[in-house]
C-alpha atoms as a PDB file:
ATOM      1  CA  UNK A   1      16.044   0.523   7.402  1.00  0.00           C
ATOM      2  CA  UNK A   2      14.228  -0.437  10.588  1.00  0.00           C
ATOM      3  CA  UNK A   3      11.877   2.502  10.139  1.00  0.00           C
ATOM      4  CA  UNK A   4      10.967   1.264   6.651  1.00  0.00           C
ATOM      5  CA  UNK A   5      10.307  -2.256   7.963  1.00  0.00           C
ATOM      6  CA  UNK A   6       8.181  -0.821  10.770  1.00  0.00           C
ATOM      7  CA  UNK A   7       6.142   1.283   8.328  1.00  0.00           C
ATOM      8  CA  UNK A   8       5.676  -1.656   5.958  1.00  0.00           C
ATOM      9  CA  UNK A   9       4.474  -3.824   8.857  1.00  0.00           C
ATOM     10  CA  UNK A  10       2.141  -1.072  10.045  1.00  0.00           C
ATOM     11  CA  UNK A  11       0.745  -0.601   6.549  1.00  0.00           C
ATOM     12  CA  UNK A  12       0.280  -4.320   5.950  1.00  0.00           C
ATOM     13  CA  UNK A  13      -1.403  -5.022   9.277  1.00  0.00           C
ATOM     14  CA  UNK A  14      -3.459  -1.841   9.056  1.00  0.00           C
ATOM     15  CA  UNK A  15      -4.867  -2.584   5.613  1.00  0.00           C
ATOM     16  CA  UNK A  16      -5.254  -6.334   5.605  1.00  0.00           C
ATOM     17  CA  UNK A  17      -5.946  -7.363   9.211  1.00  0.00           C
ATOM     18  CA  UNK A  18      -9.736  -6.954   8.974  1.00  0.00           C
ATOM     19  CA  UNK A  19     -10.210  -8.958   5.749  1.00  0.00           C
ATOM     20  CA  UNK A  20      -7.934 -11.665   7.144  1.00  0.00           C
ATOM     21  CA  UNK A  21      -9.766 -11.665  10.455  1.00  0.00           C
ATOM     22  CA  UNK A  22     -13.136 -12.051   8.737  1.00  0.00           C
ATOM     23  CA  UNK A  23     -11.911 -14.814   6.428  1.00  0.00           C
ATOM     24  CA  UNK A  24     -10.239 -16.793   9.203  1.00  0.00           C
ATOM     25  CA  UNK A  25     -13.262 -16.446  11.503  1.00  0.00           C
ATOM     26  CA  UNK A  26     -15.475 -17.900   8.772  1.00  0.00           C
ATOM     27  CA  UNK A  27     -13.070 -20.666   7.736  1.00  0.00           C
ATOM     28  CA  UNK A  28     -12.330 -21.789  11.305  1.00  0.00           C
ATOM     29  CA  UNK A  29     -15.937 -21.399  12.483  1.00  0.00           C
ATOM     30  CA  UNK A  30     -15.020 -18.650  14.941  1.00  0.00           C
ATOM     31  CA  UNK A  31     -12.060 -20.365  16.595  1.00  0.00           C
ATOM     32  CA  UNK A  32      -9.189 -18.290  15.167  1.00  0.00           C
ATOM     33  CA  UNK A  33      -8.180 -15.537  15.775  1.00  0.00           C
ATOM     34  CA  UNK A  34      -9.043 -15.886  19.449  1.00  0.00           C
ATOM     35  CA  UNK A  35     -11.046 -13.420  21.506  1.00  0.00           C
ATOM     36  CA  UNK A  36      -9.591 -10.052  22.420  1.00  0.00           C
ATOM     37  CA  UNK A  37      -6.557 -10.032  24.606  1.00  0.00           C
ATOM     38  CA  UNK A  38      -5.422 -13.553  23.779  1.00  0.00           C
ATOM     39  CA  UNK A  39      -2.142 -13.803  21.876  1.00  0.00           C
ATOM     40  CA  UNK A  40      -2.139 -14.555  18.162  1.00  0.00           C
ATOM     41  CA  UNK A  41      -0.063 -13.639  15.147  1.00  0.00           C
ATOM     42  CA  UNK A  42      -1.360 -10.364  13.752  1.00  0.00           C
ATOM     43  CA  UNK A  43       0.993 -10.660  10.812  1.00  0.00           C
ATOM     44  CA  UNK A  44      -0.340 -14.104   9.856  1.00  0.00           C
ATOM     45  CA  UNK A  45      -3.898 -12.785   9.951  1.00  0.00           C
ATOM     46  CA  UNK A  46      -2.897  -9.764   7.849  1.00  0.00           C
ATOM     47  CA  UNK A  47      -1.077 -11.888   5.272  1.00  0.00           C
ATOM     48  CA  UNK A  48      -4.130 -14.143   5.004  1.00  0.00           C
ATOM     49  CA  UNK A  49      -6.179 -11.038   4.284  1.00  0.00           C
ATOM     50  CA  UNK A  50      -3.628  -9.857   1.727  1.00  0.00           C
ATOM     51  CA  UNK A  51      -3.747 -13.225  -0.039  1.00  0.00           C
ATOM     52  CA  UNK A  52      -7.556 -13.161  -0.091  1.00  0.00           C
ATOM     53  CA  UNK A  53      -7.668  -9.626  -1.503  1.00  0.00           C
ATOM     54  CA  UNK A  54      -5.060 -10.440  -4.163  1.00  0.00           C
ATOM     55  CA  UNK A  55      -6.900 -13.632  -5.158  1.00  0.00           C
ATOM     56  CA  UNK A  56     -10.189 -11.727  -5.397  1.00  0.00           C
ATOM     57  CA  UNK A  57      -8.585  -9.035  -7.565  1.00  0.00           C
ATOM     58  CA  UNK A  58      -6.984 -11.671  -9.785  1.00  0.00           C
ATOM     59  CA  UNK A  59     -10.294 -13.526 -10.190  1.00  0.00           C
ATOM     60  CA  UNK A  60     -12.050 -10.241 -11.008  1.00  0.00           C
ATOM     61  CA  UNK A  61      -9.358  -9.418 -13.578  1.00  0.00           C
ATOM     62  CA  UNK A  62      -9.781 -12.812 -15.268  1.00  0.00           C
ATOM     63  CA  UNK A  63     -13.564 -12.505 -15.470  1.00  0.00           C
END
């Protein structure tokens, strides 16, 4: 069970961290996520990216 949770976390962060990072950098004018090495929630950034990708796909589907 823990292995499955680890793989799901790895998959989620691996796929959606970059879109979330880009979106949050634009929305917060470069303030969040902080520079390299400073602590921040990678999961929160990844879930923001997942939400953005899902919203974009939904908007594309409606068009």
